[in-house]
Amino acid sequence: MADKFIHLHVHTEYSLLDGLSRIKDLVSAVKNQGGDAVAITDHGVLYGAIEFYKKA
């Protein structure tokens, strides 16, 4: 069984001055690479949480 890698510390465009990832691109990249999980850890905001939930 191969080990899986899961990103647990990703900042999206909602972390001002700290992240560039767009949620739709992030979810797409994870799926294209065979992943099934990723965590967004934006600083001090939950603005991307609903969008992330809907896209995932």
Foldseek 3Di string as FASTA:
>chain_A
DDDDDEAEEAEDVVQPPPHDHDLLVVVVVCVVVVHDHYHYDHPPDCVCVVVNVVND
